Amino acid sequence: METQALPLLKARLGITTNVRDAYLIAILTGIKSELTDIQGLLLDSESTAHLMFLVDYAEYRYSNKESPTMPRHLQWRLHNLLISNGGD
């Protein structure tokens, strides 16, 4: 899923070089791990909703290093993904 998300994340951030790829992949991998291991969300690599949530959350993490609070729109989307995933 990270390989699908990386070009989308780079486009969202306006990054055209590969210089930050390792850092961006680490962010994507960390978020994916948090979502699956901590939140219990089963990510579907075929789901555009899951892919775009991962991209949007990674863009927020990259752009807001000093702000630990998830924005409300991301909280709302995560909540909906968890509910649609069975609510566990």
C-alpha atoms as a PDB file:
ATOM      1  CA  MET A   1       0.000   0.000   0.000  1.00  0.00           C
ATOM      2  CA  GLU A   2       2.930   2.338   0.695  1.00  0.00           C
ATOM      3  CA  THR A   3       4.120   2.015  -2.906  1.00  0.00           C
ATOM      4  CA  GLN A   4       0.671   3.116  -4.112  1.00  0.00           C
ATOM      5  CA  ALA A   5       0.516   5.947  -1.580  1.00  0.00           C
ATOM      6  CA  LEU A   6       4.001   7.406  -2.144  1.00  0.00           C
ATOM      7  CA  PRO A   7       3.387   9.039  -5.557  1.00  0.00           C
ATOM      8  CA  LEU A   8       0.052  10.427  -4.345  1.00  0.00           C
ATOM      9  CA  LEU A   9       1.657  11.830  -1.192  1.00  0.00           C
ATOM     10  CA  LYS A  10       4.473  13.405  -3.176  1.00  0.00           C
ATOM     11  CA  ALA A  11       1.973  14.995  -5.568  1.00  0.00           C
ATOM     12  CA  ARG A  12      -0.056  16.348  -2.638  1.00  0.00           C
ATOM     13  CA  LEU A  13       3.096  17.833  -1.103  1.00  0.00           C
ATOM     14  CA  GLY A  14       4.429  19.133  -4.425  1.00  0.00           C
ATOM     15  CA  ILE A  15       7.589  17.029  -4.177  1.00  0.00           C
ATOM     16  CA  THR A  16       9.034  16.018  -7.548  1.00  0.00           C
ATOM     17  CA  THR A  17      12.389  14.496  -6.530  1.00  0.00           C
ATOM     18  CA  ASN A  18      13.201  11.227  -4.793  1.00  0.00           C
ATOM     19  CA  VAL A  19      15.312  12.869  -2.076  1.00  0.00           C
ATOM     20  CA  ARG A  20      12.663  12.516   0.662  1.00  0.00           C
ATOM     21  CA  ASP A  21      11.290   9.123  -0.410  1.00  0.00           C
ATOM     22  CA  ALA A  22      12.836   7.209   2.503  1.00  0.00           C
ATOM     23  CA  TYR A  23      11.375   9.676   5.021  1.00  0.00           C
ATOM     24  CA  LEU A  24       7.945   9.669   3.360  1.00  0.00           C
ATOM     25  CA  ILE A  25       7.880   5.867   3.206  1.00  0.00           C
ATOM     26  CA  ALA A  26       8.782   5.755   6.914  1.00  0.00           C
ATOM     27  CA  ILE A  27       5.837   8.058   7.673  1.00  0.00           C
ATOM     28  CA  LEU A  28       3.477   5.943   5.552  1.00  0.00           C
ATOM     29  CA  THR A  29       4.712   2.689   7.109  1.00  0.00           C
ATOM     30  CA  GLY A  30       4.425   4.099  10.632  1.00  0.00           C
ATOM     31  CA  ILE A  31       0.877   5.304  10.062  1.00  0.00           C
ATOM     32  CA  LYS A  32      -0.128   2.002   8.477  1.00  0.00           C
ATOM     33  CA  SER A  33       1.318   0.167  11.472  1.00  0.00           C
ATOM     34  CA  GLU A  34      -0.551   2.439  13.904  1.00  0.00           C
ATOM     35  CA  LEU A  35      -3.812   1.948  12.048  1.00  0.00           C
ATOM     36  CA  THR A  36      -3.524  -1.836  11.957  1.00  0.00           C
ATOM     37  CA  ASP A  37      -1.753  -2.610  15.242  1.00  0.00           C
ATOM     38  CA  ILE A  38      -3.217   0.050  17.545  1.00  0.00           C
ATOM     39  CA  GLN A  39      -6.531   1.047  15.971  1.00  0.00           C
ATOM     40  CA  GLY A  40      -7.328  -2.447  14.667  1.00  0.00           C
ATOM     41  CA  LEU A  41      -8.230  -1.238  11.184  1.00  0.00           C
ATOM     42  CA  LEU A  42      -7.833  -3.880   8.508  1.00  0.00           C
ATOM     43  CA  LEU A  43      -6.494  -1.889   5.574  1.00  0.00           C
ATOM     44  CA  ASP A  44      -7.579  -3.029   2.144  1.00  0.00           C
ATOM     45  CA  SER A  45      -5.039  -2.244  -0.572  1.00  0.00           C
ATOM     46  CA  GLU A  46      -7.886  -2.156  -3.114  1.00  0.00           C
ATOM     47  CA  SER A  47      -9.876   0.458  -1.173  1.00  0.00           C
ATOM     48  CA  THR A  48      -9.422   4.002  -2.428  1.00  0.00           C
ATOM     49  CA  ALA A  49     -10.912   5.288   0.841  1.00  0.00           C
ATOM     50  CA  HIS A  50      -8.189   3.520   2.835  1.00  0.00           C
ATOM     51  CA  LEU A  51      -5.472   4.637   0.427  1.00  0.00           C
ATOM     52  CA  MET A  52      -6.550   8.285   0.460  1.00  0.00           C
ATOM     53  CA  PHE A  53      -6.905   8.311   4.243  1.00  0.00           C
ATOM     54  CA  LEU A  54      -3.334   7.022   4.507  1.00  0.00           C
ATOM     55  CA  VAL A  55      -2.137   9.724   2.078  1.00  0.00           C
ATOM     56  CA  ASP A  56      -4.048  12.532   3.802  1.00  0.00           C
ATOM     57  CA  TYR A  57      -2.904  11.466   7.264  1.00  0.00           C
ATOM     58  CA  ALA A  58       0.710  11.187   6.073  1.00  0.00           C
ATOM     59  CA  GLU A  59       0.480  14.661   4.504  1.00  0.00           C
ATOM     60  CA  TYR A  60      -0.743  16.018   7.835  1.00  0.00           C
ATOM     61  CA  ARG A  61       2.056  14.266   9.750  1.00  0.00           C
ATOM     62  CA  TYR A  62       4.695  15.543   7.337  1.00  0.00           C
ATOM     63  CA  SER A  63       3.429  19.123   7.350  1.00  0.00           C
ATOM     64  CA  ASN A  64       2.602  19.405  11.073  1.00  0.00           C
ATOM     65  CA  LYS A  65       5.507  17.850  12.951  1.00  0.00           C
ATOM     66  CA  GLU A  66       4.890  19.979  16.049  1.00  0.00           C
ATOM     67  CA  SER A  67       1.130  19.407  16.320  1.00  0.00           C
ATOM     68  CA  PRO A  68       0.273  16.098  18.035  1.00  0.00           C
ATOM     69  CA  THR A  69      -3.499  16.501  17.706  1.00  0.00           C
ATOM     70  CA  MET A  70      -5.164  14.857  14.715  1.00  0.00           C
ATOM     71  CA  PRO A  71      -7.401  17.333  12.865  1.00  0.00           C
ATOM     72  CA  ARG A  72     -11.130  16.839  13.219  1.00  0.00           C
ATOM     73  CA  HIS A  73     -11.682  15.866   9.574  1.00  0.00           C
ATOM     74  CA  LEU A  74      -9.124  13.048   9.901  1.00  0.00           C
ATOM     75  CA  GLN A  75     -10.657  11.930  13.219  1.00  0.00           C
ATOM     76  CA  TRP A  76     -14.060  11.794  11.575  1.00  0.00           C
ATOM     77  CA  ARG A  77     -12.757   9.769   8.610  1.00  0.00           C
ATOM     78  CA  LEU A  78     -10.871   7.369  10.897  1.00  0.00           C
ATOM     79  CA  HIS A  79     -14.009   6.899  12.983  1.00  0.00           C
ATOM     80  CA  ASN A  80     -16.031   6.094   9.862  1.00  0.00           C
ATOM     81  CA  LEU A  81     -13.375   3.664   8.591  1.00  0.00           C
ATOM     82  CA  LEU A  82     -13.349   1.874  11.938  1.00  0.00           C
ATOM     83  CA  ILE A  83     -17.139   1.612  11.998  1.00  0.00           C
ATOM     84  CA  SER A  84     -17.296   0.352   8.408  1.00  0.00           C
ATOM     85  CA  ASN A  85     -14.591  -2.161   9.331  1.00  0.00           C
ATOM     86  CA  GLY A  86     -16.849  -3.823  11.887  1.00  0.00           C
ATOM     87  CA  GLY A  87     -16.475  -1.444  14.789  1.00  0.00           C
ATOM     88  CA  ASP A  88     -13.884  -3.533  16.642  1.00  0.00           C
END
